[in-house]
Protein backbone atom coordinates (compact mmCIF):
# COMPACT_ATOMS: atom_id res chain seq x y z
CA MET A 1 13.68 -3.53 -19.02
CA TRP A 2 16.39 -5.42 -20.92
CA PRO A 3 14.19 -8.39 -21.96
CA TYR A 4 11.76 -5.94 -23.63
CA ARG A 5 14.32 -3.81 -25.48
CA THR A 6 13.29 -5.09 -28.92
CA ASP A 7 9.61 -4.39 -28.32
CA LEU A 8 10.42 -0.96 -26.93
CA SER A 9 12.69 -0.18 -29.88
CA ASN A 10 9.88 -0.99 -32.30
CA ASN A 11 7.25 1.21 -30.67
CA LYS A 12 5.61 3.32 -33.37
CA MET A 13 5.94 7.06 -32.93
CA PHE A 14 4.08 9.92 -34.58
CA GLY A 15 4.83 9.79 -38.29
CA LYS A 16 4.76 5.98 -38.24
CA GLN A 17 8.45 5.71 -37.41
CA THR A 18 9.77 3.35 -34.77
CA LYS A 19 11.43 4.81 -31.73
CA VAL A 20 14.91 3.90 -33.03
CA GLU A 21 14.14 5.24 -36.52
CA SER A 22 13.15 8.56 -34.98
CA GLY A 23 16.54 8.86 -33.30
CA LEU A 24 15.72 7.70 -29.77
CA LYS A 25 17.37 4.97 -27.74
CA TRP A 26 15.22 2.01 -26.79
CA TRP A 27 15.22 3.03 -23.10
CA GLU A 28 14.18 6.66 -23.68
CA TYR A 29 10.64 7.97 -23.30
CA GLY A 30 8.92 8.16 -26.63
CA ARG A 31 6.57 10.84 -25.37
CA LEU A 32 5.40 12.05 -22.01
CA THR A 33 1.78 13.08 -21.60
CA THR A 34 1.94 15.94 -19.12
CA LYS A 35 -1.75 16.88 -19.18
CA LYS A 36 -2.67 14.26 -16.60
CA LEU A 37 0.14 15.48 -14.34
CA ARG A 38 -0.95 19.11 -14.25
CA VAL A 39 -3.78 18.47 -11.78
CA PRO A 40 -1.92 17.91 -8.51
CA PHE A 41 -4.75 16.34 -6.49
CA SER A 42 -5.10 12.57 -6.39
CA ILE A 43 -6.79 10.13 -4.06
CA THR A 44 -4.76 6.97 -3.62
CA PHE A 45 -5.50 3.86 -1.61
CA VAL A 46 -3.98 0.60 -0.41
CA GLU A 47 -5.03 -2.15 -2.77
CA VAL A 48 -4.56 -5.05 -0.31
CA ALA A 49 -5.30 -4.31 3.34
CA THR A 50 -7.47 -5.30 6.26
CA HIS A 51 -9.39 -1.98 6.16
CA ASN A 52 -10.02 0.93 3.82
CA HIS A 53 -7.21 3.52 3.68
CA PHE A 54 -7.75 6.43 1.27
CA VAL A 55 -5.33 9.36 1.20
CA LEU A 56 -5.33 12.78 -0.46
CA ASP A 57 -2.09 13.47 -2.32
CA ARG A 58 -1.41 17.08 -3.21
CA GLY A 59 1.26 16.25 -5.80
CA GLY A 60 4.92 15.35 -5.98
CA LYS A 61 4.58 11.60 -5.48
CA VAL A 62 4.56 8.54 -7.69
CA PHE A 63 2.43 5.48 -6.96
CA LYS A 64 2.88 1.93 -8.18
CA GLN A 65 0.25 -0.66 -9.09
CA THR A 66 -0.39 -1.66 -5.46
CA ALA A 67 -1.49 1.91 -4.70
CA PRO A 68 -4.07 2.81 -7.39
CA VAL A 69 -4.99 6.44 -7.94
CA ILE A 70 -8.39 8.12 -8.28
CA LYS A 71 -8.35 11.25 -10.48
CA LEU A 72 -11.35 13.60 -10.42
CA PRO A 73 -12.09 16.02 -13.29
CA ALA A 74 -9.47 18.73 -13.77
CA LYS A 75 -11.72 21.43 -12.33
CA ALA A 76 -12.46 19.52 -9.11
CA SER A 77 -11.46 21.53 -6.05
CA GLU A 78 -9.61 20.36 -2.95
CA ASP A 79 -12.91 20.42 -1.03
CA GLU A 80 -14.48 18.07 -3.58
CA HIS A 81 -11.58 15.66 -3.07
CA LEU A 82 -11.85 15.89 0.71
CA GLY A 83 -15.61 15.38 0.66
CA LEU A 84 -15.20 12.20 -1.36
CA LEU A 85 -12.36 11.15 0.91
CA GLY A 86 -14.68 11.40 3.91
CA LEU A 87 -17.13 8.95 2.37
CA LEU A 88 -14.42 6.51 1.26
CA ASN A 89 -12.79 6.42 4.71
CA SER A 90 -16.03 5.75 6.58
CA SER A 91 -17.14 2.49 8.15
CA VAL A 92 -20.02 2.46 5.64
CA ALA A 93 -17.51 2.27 2.79
CA CYS A 94 -15.49 -0.42 4.59
CA PHE A 95 -18.61 -2.52 5.11
CA TRP A 96 -19.72 -2.16 1.48
CA LEU A 97 -16.28 -2.90 0.05
CA LYS A 98 -15.90 -6.04 2.12
CA GLN A 99 -19.18 -7.36 0.70
CA VAL A 100 -18.02 -7.03 -2.92
CA CYS A 101 -14.21 -7.34 -2.82
CA HIS A 102 -12.20 -10.54 -2.70
CA ASN A 103 -11.37 -11.83 0.78
CA LYS A 104 -7.73 -12.98 0.68
CA GLY A 105 -7.91 -14.56 4.12
CA GLY A 106 -5.86 -14.08 7.24
CA GLY A 107 -2.65 -15.87 6.33
CA GLY A 108 0.51 -14.34 4.99
CA ILE A 109 4.22 -14.88 4.58
CA ASN A 110 5.79 -15.17 8.04
CA GLU A 111 2.48 -14.09 9.60
CA GLY A 112 0.87 -17.42 10.41
CA HIS A 113 -2.89 -17.83 10.54
CA ARG A 114 -5.09 -14.99 11.74
CA GLY A 115 -8.30 -16.05 13.40
CA ASP A 116 -10.29 -12.82 13.85
CA LYS A 117 -12.27 -11.58 10.86
CA TRP A 118 -10.93 -8.03 11.24
CA GLU A 119 -7.45 -9.43 10.48
CA PHE A 120 -8.44 -10.74 7.03
CA PHE A 121 -6.95 -9.00 4.00
CA TYR A 122 -9.13 -7.82 1.12
CA ALA A 123 -8.25 -6.89 -2.44
CA PHE A 124 -9.77 -3.41 -2.84
CA ASN A 125 -9.51 -3.30 -6.61
CA SER A 126 -10.24 -0.26 -8.77
CA THR A 127 -13.26 -1.81 -10.49
CA LYS A 128 -15.11 -2.30 -7.22
CA ILE A 129 -14.05 1.10 -5.89
CA ALA A 130 -15.58 2.71 -8.97
CA GLU A 131 -18.91 1.04 -8.17
CA PHE A 132 -19.09 2.42 -4.62
CA PRO A 133 -22.49 4.16 -4.20
CA LEU A 134 -21.95 7.89 -3.71
CA ILE A 135 -24.39 10.39 -2.26
CA GLU A 136 -24.68 14.11 -2.85
CA ALA A 137 -24.16 15.11 0.78
CA ARG A 138 -20.54 14.83 1.90
CA PRO A 139 -19.01 15.05 5.43
CA LEU A 140 -16.69 17.85 4.26
CA ASP A 141 -16.29 19.61 7.62
CA LEU A 142 -15.14 16.43 9.34
CA ALA A 143 -12.88 15.44 6.46
CA LYS A 144 -11.21 18.87 6.50
CA SER A 145 -10.69 18.72 10.25
CA LEU A 146 -9.18 15.25 10.01
CA ASP A 147 -6.94 16.32 7.12
CA ALA A 148 -5.71 19.32 9.12
CA LEU A 149 -4.91 17.09 12.09
CA VAL A 150 -3.06 14.65 9.87
CA GLN A 151 -0.85 17.44 8.54
CA GLN A 152 -0.27 18.89 12.02
CA ARG A 153 0.64 15.50 13.43
CA SER A 154 2.98 14.68 10.53
CA ARG A 155 4.98 17.80 11.39
CA ARG A 156 5.39 16.63 15.00
CA LEU A 157 6.70 13.15 14.20
CA PRO A 158 10.41 12.50 14.89
CA ALA A 159 11.43 12.27 11.22
CA ALA A 160 9.90 15.69 10.51
CA LEU A 161 11.54 17.27 13.56
CA LEU A 162 14.93 15.92 12.49
CA ALA A 163 14.45 17.06 8.88
CA ASP A 164 14.86 20.69 9.97
CA ALA A 165 18.53 21.59 9.85
CA GLN A 166 18.58 23.69 13.03
CA PRO A 167 17.94 23.65 15.85
CA LEU A 168 18.19 19.91 16.34
CA PRO A 169 15.61 18.52 18.76
CA SER A 170 16.49 17.96 22.40
CA ARG A 171 15.04 15.25 24.62
CA ALA A 172 12.60 17.82 26.04
CA LYS A 173 11.46 18.84 22.55
CA LEU A 174 10.97 15.22 21.46
CA ASP A 175 8.98 14.45 24.61
CA ALA A 176 6.80 17.53 24.07
CA ALA A 177 6.23 16.53 20.44
CA ARG A 178 5.24 13.06 21.59
CA ALA A 179 2.63 14.42 23.98
CA GLU A 180 1.25 16.73 21.28
CA SER A 181 1.25 13.98 18.66
CA GLU A 182 -0.59 11.55 20.93
CA SER A 183 -3.16 14.22 21.74
CA GLN A 184 -3.69 14.87 18.02
CA LEU A 185 -4.13 11.16 17.42
CA ARG A 186 -6.82 10.96 20.13
CA ARG A 187 -8.61 13.91 18.51
CA MET A 188 -8.45 12.13 15.15
CA ILE A 189 -9.98 9.01 16.69
CA ALA A 190 -12.82 11.12 18.06
CA LEU A 191 -13.44 12.85 14.72
CA GLN A 192 -13.38 9.51 12.87
CA GLU A 193 -16.17 8.36 15.17
CA GLU A 194 -18.16 11.47 14.24
CA LEU A 195 -17.46 10.77 10.57
CA ASP A 196 -18.75 7.21 10.84
CA TRP A 197 -21.94 8.21 12.63
CA ARG A 198 -22.48 11.09 10.20
CA CYS A 199 -22.28 8.66 7.29
CA TYR A 200 -24.78 6.31 8.97
CA ARG A 201 -27.23 9.22 8.92
CA LEU A 202 -26.35 10.36 5.37
CA TYR A 203 -26.84 6.82 4.01
CA GLY A 204 -30.15 6.43 5.85
CA LEU A 205 -29.00 3.64 8.16
CA LEU A 206 -30.30 5.16 11.41
CA PRO A 207 -33.83 4.28 12.53
CA GLU A 208 -36.55 6.87 13.01
CA GLY A 209 -36.48 8.48 16.43
CA ALA A 210 -32.87 7.50 17.13
CA GLY A 211 -32.18 10.98 18.47
CA GLU A 212 -29.01 13.03 18.19
CA LEU A 213 -25.99 10.78 17.65
CA GLU A 214 -23.35 13.34 16.63
CA HIS A 215 -21.29 15.79 18.65
CA ALA A 216 -20.00 19.14 17.35
CA ASN A 217 -16.93 19.22 19.58
CA PRO A 218 -16.07 15.76 20.90
CA PRO A 219 -13.37 15.28 23.56
CA GLU A 220 -10.26 13.22 22.91
CA VAL A 221 -10.93 9.50 22.60
CA ARG A 222 -8.37 6.79 23.30
CA LEU A 223 -8.20 3.40 21.65
CA GLY A 224 -10.49 1.10 23.59
CA GLU A 225 -12.95 3.90 24.46
CA ARG A 226 -15.05 3.91 21.30
CA ALA A 227 -18.68 2.83 21.60
CA PHE A 228 -18.23 -0.41 19.66
CA GLU A 229 -15.15 -1.26 21.75
CA ILE A 230 -17.10 -0.85 25.00
CA VAL A 231 -19.78 -3.18 23.59
CA LEU A 232 -17.06 -5.63 22.56
CA ALA A 233 -15.45 -5.50 26.02
CA ARG A 234 -18.82 -6.20 27.64
CA ARG A 235 -19.36 -9.22 25.42
CA MET A 236 -15.89 -10.48 26.33
CA ALA A 237 -16.59 -9.99 30.03
CA ALA A 238 -19.85 -11.94 29.65
CA GLY A 239 -18.04 -14.78 27.88
CA LYS A 240 -20.00 -14.23 24.67
CA GLU A 241 -17.02 -13.33 22.49
CA SER A 242 -13.24 -13.68 22.39
CA THR A 243 -10.94 -11.47 20.37
CA THR A 244 -7.35 -10.23 20.20
CA TRP A 245 -8.48 -6.75 19.15
CA PHE A 246 -7.38 -4.96 22.31
CA GLU A 247 -4.15 -6.89 22.69
CA ARG A 248 -3.12 -6.35 19.08
CA HIS A 249 -3.74 -2.60 19.27
CA GLY A 250 -2.21 -2.01 22.69
CA SER A 251 -5.47 -0.82 24.25
CA THR A 252 -7.30 -1.72 27.44
CA PRO A 253 -10.87 -3.07 27.27
CA ILE A 254 -13.35 -1.09 29.35
CA THR A 255 -16.99 -1.88 30.04
CA GLU A 256 -18.14 1.56 31.22
CA VAL A 257 -18.18 4.93 29.49
CA PRO A 258 -15.15 6.98 30.69
CA ALA A 259 -16.08 9.25 33.59
CA HIS A 260 -13.63 11.99 32.54
CA TRP A 261 -15.69 12.88 29.46
CA PRO A 262 -18.18 15.78 29.53
CA GLU A 263 -21.67 14.72 30.58
CA ASP A 264 -23.26 15.43 27.19
CA TYR A 265 -20.66 13.31 25.35
CA ARG A 266 -21.06 10.47 27.88
CA ALA A 267 -24.79 10.49 27.24
CA LEU A 268 -24.21 10.52 23.48
CA VAL A 269 -21.93 7.47 23.65
CA GLU A 270 -24.48 5.67 25.83
CA ARG A 271 -27.10 6.26 23.10
CA ARG A 272 -24.68 4.91 20.51
CA ILE A 273 -24.05 1.80 22.62
CA ALA A 274 -27.78 1.24 23.04
CA LEU A 275 -28.28 1.51 19.29
CA ILE A 276 -25.40 -0.91 18.54
CA GLU A 277 -26.98 -3.46 20.88
CA SER A 278 -30.55 -2.99 19.62
CA GLU A 279 -30.41 -2.01 15.94
CA ARG A 280 -29.35 -4.84 13.62
CA ASN A 281 -27.88 -2.69 10.82
CA ILE A 282 -25.80 -0.52 13.14
CA GLY A 283 -24.71 -3.52 15.21
CA LEU A 284 -23.56 -5.18 12.00
CA ILE A 285 -21.34 -2.25 10.96
CA GLU A 286 -20.10 -1.18 14.40
CA ARG A 287 -17.75 -4.14 14.53
CA PRO A 288 -13.93 -4.38 14.46
CA GLU A 289 -14.11 -5.65 10.87
CA TYR A 290 -15.31 -2.24 9.65
CA LYS A 291 -13.85 0.26 12.12
CA ARG A 292 -10.58 2.11 11.60
CA ARG A 293 -7.81 0.35 13.50
CA TRP A 294 -5.45 3.28 14.21
CA ASN A 295 -2.72 0.67 14.44
CA THR A 296 0.17 3.13 14.38
CA PRO A 297 3.82 2.34 15.23
CA ALA A 298 4.87 3.09 18.79
CA TRP A 299 6.51 6.48 19.30
CA GLU A 300 9.69 4.78 20.55
CA GLU A 301 9.98 2.91 17.23
CA LEU A 302 9.42 6.08 15.19
CA GLU A 303 11.93 8.00 17.29
CA GLN A 304 14.65 5.35 17.10
CA ALA A 305 14.20 4.91 13.34
CA ALA A 306 14.34 8.67 12.73
CA LEU A 307 17.42 9.15 14.92
CA ARG A 308 19.15 6.23 13.23
CA ASP A 309 18.37 7.54 9.74
CA TRP A 310 19.69 10.98 10.72
CA LEU A 311 22.95 9.51 12.05
CA LEU A 312 23.43 7.37 8.94
CA ALA A 313 22.79 10.31 6.63
CA ARG A 314 25.24 12.40 8.66
CA LEU A 315 27.94 9.75 8.35
CA GLU A 316 27.43 9.85 4.57
CA SER A 317 27.65 13.65 4.34
CA PRO A 318 30.50 15.63 2.72
CA ARG A 319 31.78 16.39 6.21
CA TYR A 320 32.92 12.77 6.39
CA TRP A 321 33.37 12.06 2.65
CA PRO A 322 34.52 15.32 0.98
CA ARG A 323 33.16 15.75 -2.53
CA GLY A 324 35.50 16.91 -5.27
CA GLU A 325 38.60 15.48 -3.58
CA PRO A 326 40.43 12.26 -4.56
CA ALA A 327 38.53 9.32 -3.12
CA GLN A 328 40.26 7.63 -0.19
CA LEU A 329 39.28 4.60 1.86
CA SER A 330 38.44 5.38 5.46
CA SER A 331 37.85 3.13 8.46
CA ILE A 332 35.47 2.74 11.37
CA ASN A 333 37.99 4.33 13.74
CA ARG A 334 38.61 7.32 11.46
CA LEU A 335 34.88 7.84 11.03
CA ALA A 336 34.38 7.63 14.79
CA ASP A 337 37.20 10.15 15.38
CA ALA A 338 35.48 12.59 13.01
CA ALA A 339 32.14 11.95 14.73
CA ARG A 340 33.58 12.93 18.13
CA LEU A 341 34.35 16.37 16.71
CA ASP A 342 30.85 16.71 15.23
CA ALA A 343 28.68 18.38 17.88
CA ASP A 344 25.43 17.71 16.01
CA PHE A 345 26.27 14.03 15.57
CA MET A 346 27.10 13.68 19.25
CA GLN A 347 23.84 15.37 20.27
CA ILE A 348 21.69 13.03 18.18
CA ALA A 349 23.83 10.00 19.04
CA GLU A 350 23.22 10.62 22.74
CA LEU A 351 19.47 10.63 22.11
CA TYR A 352 19.78 7.45 20.04
CA ALA A 353 21.91 5.65 22.61
CA GLY A 354 19.76 6.89 25.49
CA ARG A 355 22.79 7.81 27.59
CA ALA A 356 25.58 10.37 27.62
CA ASP A 357 28.45 7.94 28.23
CA PHE A 358 27.95 5.87 25.06
CA ASP A 359 30.92 4.38 23.18
CA VAL A 360 31.21 6.43 19.96
CA THR A 361 33.34 3.88 18.12
CA ARG A 362 31.01 1.02 18.96
CA LEU A 363 27.97 3.05 17.90
CA VAL A 364 29.54 4.09 14.57
CA GLU A 365 30.59 0.50 13.93
CA ALA A 366 27.09 -0.84 14.57
CA LEU A 367 25.56 1.76 12.25
CA VAL A 368 28.06 1.34 9.41
CA VAL A 369 28.39 -2.45 9.44
CA ALA A 370 24.60 -2.89 9.22
CA GLU A 371 24.47 -0.62 6.15
CA SER A 372 27.53 -1.92 4.28
CA VAL A 373 28.22 -4.77 1.89
CA PRO A 374 31.62 -6.48 1.35
CA PHE A 375 33.51 -5.50 -1.78
CA LEU A 376 34.05 -9.03 -3.17
CA PRO A 377 31.34 -11.47 -4.28
CA VAL A 378 33.02 -14.32 -2.38
CA LEU A 379 32.46 -12.33 0.82
CA ARG A 380 28.82 -11.56 -0.01
CA TYR A 381 27.35 -14.77 -1.35
CA THR A 382 27.02 -18.38 -0.29
CA ASP A 383 27.97 -21.09 -2.78
CA SER A 384 24.51 -20.97 -4.39
CA GLY A 385 24.74 -17.19 -4.61
CA LEU A 386 28.15 -17.38 -6.29
CA ARG A 387 26.71 -19.68 -8.94
CA LYS A 388 23.93 -17.20 -9.64
CA ARG A 389 26.43 -14.32 -9.67
CA ALA A 390 28.40 -16.16 -12.38
CA GLN A 391 25.22 -16.37 -14.48
CA TRP A 392 24.61 -12.64 -14.03
CA GLU A 393 28.20 -11.86 -15.06
CA ASP A 394 27.77 -13.99 -18.19
CA CYS A 395 24.58 -12.06 -18.98
CA TRP A 396 26.34 -8.70 -18.56
CA ASP A 397 29.17 -9.85 -20.79
CA LEU A 398 26.72 -10.89 -23.53
CA GLN A 399 24.92 -7.56 -23.23
CA ARG A 400 28.17 -5.66 -23.64
CA ARG A 401 29.06 -7.72 -26.70
CA GLU A 402 25.61 -7.18 -28.19
CA ASP A 403 25.84 -3.43 -27.58
CA ALA A 404 29.21 -3.48 -29.36
CA GLY A 405 27.59 -5.08 -32.42
CA ASP A 406 28.80 -8.64 -31.87
CA ALA A 407 26.14 -10.77 -33.56
CA SER A 408 27.55 -13.94 -31.99
CA ALA A 409 26.48 -12.71 -28.55
CA THR A 410 22.85 -13.66 -29.25
CA PRO A 411 22.86 -16.57 -31.69
CA LEU A 412 19.31 -17.51 -30.64
CA GLY A 413 18.07 -13.94 -30.75
CA ARG A 414 17.88 -13.46 -27.01
CA ILE A 415 20.05 -13.42 -23.90
CA PRO A 416 18.93 -15.80 -21.14
CA VAL A 417 17.52 -14.01 -18.11
CA PRO A 418 19.59 -14.84 -15.00
CA PRO A 419 17.86 -16.27 -11.90
CA LYS A 420 16.79 -14.08 -9.00
CA TYR A 421 18.55 -14.29 -5.67
CA GLN A 422 17.05 -15.60 -2.44
CA SER A 423 17.98 -14.90 1.15
CA LYS A 424 19.91 -18.18 1.32
CA ASP A 425 22.21 -16.90 -1.44
CA PHE A 426 23.71 -14.24 0.85
CA GLN A 427 26.07 -14.87 3.76
CA LYS A 428 24.47 -12.22 5.96
CA ALA A 429 20.87 -11.12 6.44
CA ASP A 430 21.92 -7.47 6.10
CA CYS A 431 23.28 -8.15 2.61
CA TRP A 432 19.95 -9.67 1.58
CA ARG A 433 18.07 -6.73 3.12
CA LEU A 434 20.23 -4.22 1.27
CA ARG A 435 20.40 -6.00 -2.09
CA GLY A 436 17.21 -8.04 -2.55
CA SER A 437 16.30 -10.56 -5.22
CA LEU A 438 17.88 -8.57 -8.08
CA ASP A 439 21.04 -7.71 -6.11
CA VAL A 440 20.47 -3.98 -6.56
CA PRO A 441 23.00 -2.05 -4.44
CA LYS A 442 21.21 0.02 -1.80
CA GLU A 443 23.96 0.01 0.81
CA ARG A 444 25.53 3.21 2.12
CA TRP A 445 29.08 1.87 2.36
CA VAL A 446 31.38 -0.74 0.85
CA SER A 447 33.37 -2.71 3.41
CA TYR A 448 36.78 -4.38 3.04
CA PRO A 449 36.91 -7.15 5.66
CA GLY A 450 40.33 -8.72 6.09
CA CYS A 451 42.08 -5.60 4.77
CA GLU A 452 42.50 -3.79 8.09
CA ARG A 453 45.53 -1.53 8.44
CA GLY A 454 47.98 -2.61 11.14
CA ALA A 455 48.07 0.72 13.00
CA ASP A 456 44.28 1.07 12.86
CA GLY A 457 42.82 -2.42 13.07
CA SER A 458 39.24 -1.34 12.33
CA LEU A 459 37.21 -2.22 9.27
CA PRO A 460 38.16 -0.24 6.11
CA ILE A 461 35.19 1.28 4.31
CA ALA A 462 34.34 3.33 1.22
CA TRP A 463 31.32 5.50 0.54
CA ALA A 464 28.93 3.64 -1.76
CA GLY A 465 28.01 6.93 -3.44
CA TRP A 466 31.28 6.87 -5.39
CA ASP A 467 31.20 5.72 -8.99
CA HIS A 468 33.31 2.77 -10.13
CA LEU A 469 36.26 4.97 -11.08
CA GLN A 470 36.34 6.65 -7.66
CA GLN A 471 36.14 3.26 -5.97
CA ALA A 472 38.99 1.96 -8.11
CA THR A 473 41.09 5.07 -7.43
CA ALA A 474 40.65 4.75 -3.67
CA LEU A 475 41.27 1.00 -3.69
CA ALA A 476 44.40 1.27 -5.85
CA ALA A 477 45.82 3.98 -3.60
CA TYR A 478 45.14 1.83 -0.54
CA TYR A 479 46.73 -1.17 -2.26
CA LEU A 480 49.93 0.75 -3.04
CA ASP A 481 50.05 2.19 0.46
CA MET A 482 49.79 -1.24 2.03
CA LYS A 483 52.36 -2.62 -0.40
CA ASP A 484 54.92 0.15 -0.12
CA SER A 485 54.40 1.64 3.35
CA GLU A 486 53.29 -1.35 5.41
CA GLY A 487 55.02 -4.07 3.43
CA TRP A 488 52.06 -6.42 3.23
CA PRO A 489 52.89 -9.90 1.87
CA SER A 490 51.26 -11.05 -1.36
CA GLU A 491 48.55 -13.08 0.40
CA ARG A 492 47.28 -9.91 2.09
CA LEU A 493 47.45 -7.85 -1.10
CA LEU A 494 45.55 -10.39 -3.21
CA PRO A 495 42.02 -9.49 -2.02
CA LEU A 496 42.64 -5.80 -2.74
CA LEU A 497 43.82 -6.63 -6.24
CA ALA A 498 40.86 -8.99 -6.68
CA GLY A 499 38.61 -6.04 -5.77
CA LEU A 500 40.16 -3.98 -8.57
CA LEU A 501 39.69 -6.87 -10.98
CA GLU A 502 36.02 -6.97 -9.99
CA LEU A 503 35.66 -3.30 -11.00
CA LEU A 504 37.37 -3.62 -14.40
CA PRO A 505 34.31 -4.50 -16.54
CA TRP A 506 32.46 -1.44 -15.22
CA LEU A 507 35.49 0.82 -15.62
CA LYS A 508 35.74 -0.22 -19.27
CA GLN A 509 32.00 0.21 -19.77
CA TRP A 510 31.53 3.61 -18.12
CA HIS A 511 34.95 5.24 -17.74
CA ASN A 512 37.03 4.32 -20.77
CA GLN A 513 36.89 7.61 -22.61
CA LEU A 514 40.12 9.57 -22.71
CA ASP A 515 40.52 11.19 -19.28
CA PRO A 516 41.56 14.86 -19.70
CA ASN A 517 43.43 14.87 -16.38
CA PHE A 518 45.50 11.75 -16.96
CA GLY A 519 45.52 11.58 -20.76
CA GLU A 520 44.59 7.88 -20.58
CA ARG A 521 41.57 5.65 -20.81
CA MET A 522 41.07 4.73 -17.18
CA GLY A 523 39.51 1.34 -17.86
CA ASP A 524 42.55 0.36 -19.94
CA TYR A 525 44.89 1.92 -17.37
CA TYR A 526 43.52 -0.14 -14.48
CA ASP A 527 43.46 -3.23 -16.67
CA GLY A 528 47.19 -2.83 -17.15
CA PHE A 529 47.68 -2.01 -13.48
CA VAL A 530 45.96 -5.22 -12.35
CA ARG A 531 47.87 -7.34 -14.86
CA ASP A 532 51.24 -5.88 -13.84
CA GLU A 533 50.57 -6.23 -10.12
CA ALA A 534 49.24 -9.77 -10.51
CA LYS A 535 52.39 -10.73 -12.38
CA ALA A 536 54.53 -9.15 -9.64
CA LEU A 537 52.64 -11.14 -7.00
CA GLY A 538 53.08 -14.33 -9.00
CA VAL A 539 49.40 -15.04 -9.72
CA THR A 540 47.38 -15.30 -12.90
CA LEU A 541 44.20 -13.33 -13.50
CA GLU A 542 42.27 -16.61 -13.34
CA ALA A 543 43.72 -17.38 -9.92
CA LEU A 544 43.02 -13.83 -8.79
CA ARG A 545 39.44 -14.09 -9.98
CA ALA A 546 39.03 -17.33 -8.01
CA TRP A 547 40.53 -15.90 -4.81
CA LYS A 548 38.87 -17.02 -1.58
CA PRO A 549 39.57 -15.94 2.01
CA ALA A 550 41.83 -18.20 4.03
CA VAL A 551 39.19 -18.40 6.77
CA THR A 552 35.78 -19.72 5.74
CA ALA A 553 34.47 -21.32 8.93
CA ALA A 554 33.48 -17.87 10.23
CA ARG A 555 30.30 -18.28 8.20
CA ARG A 556 29.28 -20.95 10.71
CA GLY A 557 30.13 -18.81 13.70
CA ARG A 558 33.59 -20.16 14.51
CA ARG A 559 37.10 -19.59 13.20
CA ARG A 560 39.64 -22.23 12.24
CA SER A 561 42.60 -22.43 9.92
CA VAL A 562 41.96 -23.81 6.47
CA ALA A 563 44.80 -25.55 4.72
């Protein structure tokens, strides 16, 4: 928000005062209108997608501009929301929206060209959504049943099972949840079919004498078994059509109605197939372009992601990083030693590894390294990234001077906005994934490569949840320990001291009030500490700031000495 601070400061408040004149900071809320937040129900939808996806939110979430929100009148009940949701999630709505909304095509970043029409993305904007033709009759019963199944299934997914503190799920419990979840999904597919055919009737799309085309209690339906999919498979078998629909959704094309269904449902689907093949309007809508894809992640992917997230959160917990105690650097080996004594961690780790004889140290290392970022910029960025980092540091320095009342900081009235980062600006893909174009820290740990203790040998790490003062305290203690106890030479101590120098601007900005425990301003204290230690090591602050590792060829996948 920094580029807009002047505009925000000059916002007029009640009483015709600006925000600053009324005693607020430029970044504070001027007022918060709570009336619109008191009604918990909202219908939100994906603005750009291949198909229509409308969801009922019962409160507690925030949506950005790519997920617009529909708000009904304050007195609208949950049933009224669900009834509308049923219409919006039907194939009728998908067909209508794709006639009036912008087709963005089938290409995309890193996605290549998509040939089938059902793969094309559409911009389902709010203006067009508001024009969707509504009818008085709503498929409320089907919408409620689908909503109930959605909630039941969400409680059986791996992330939900792992969210409960105790008991932690076993392999048998996860397998049972998988079977139940897949059954619920097949029931949802069946009910969605009933919803679509109900809406065809409600919107008057079925011809006279079409007969009964809905079922009160349909059996489970798998992907590939829906009426339009059987028609599609028959056309493929006859050489009349080619599509990647079945391949992309992991389903098997079939040309006959499944024999395991009840006789009445088999007859119903046969009537639907006959109508798709004979009635132009129904044949036009009962196509992959307008039918719900049910393209859900594989259970294995959901399970592995949930187990991994649980293990990572566990490794960040107070059990491993005690709160309220002096911050201390740890290491991969120390973390792994603690994990071996953690029965819950070992139980989930065995599920994650898929075997009981997994290497705990290797597992912890893989988890931590992928979610950590090196402590020094020279270890994070490529040459282009270091140049951008220098521009960001100049910007921060000018902002601090401006905040301190230094008019010379902005002689032209504004501070130049630094450039955004790109993936090529980071040495490792994980750093780019964790930081992004604005270099916002989202890592779980800070790593200290090249600073391994002799008796340990594994990568030193710090918890990224510490503030700058805690990081500095831990790093300074480690520095003194390596200097006094292990007798490191100056070339090994330099990166640790450079790490403290990197923290100084933030220590002075956020932690330079008089500390009641030490009776000093900690920013000034560490400034003096770095200066004294740099002098003792025989380096200037400029040389310390320009420190680079002795080995740089590792970036290219090999190691060699650098003069």
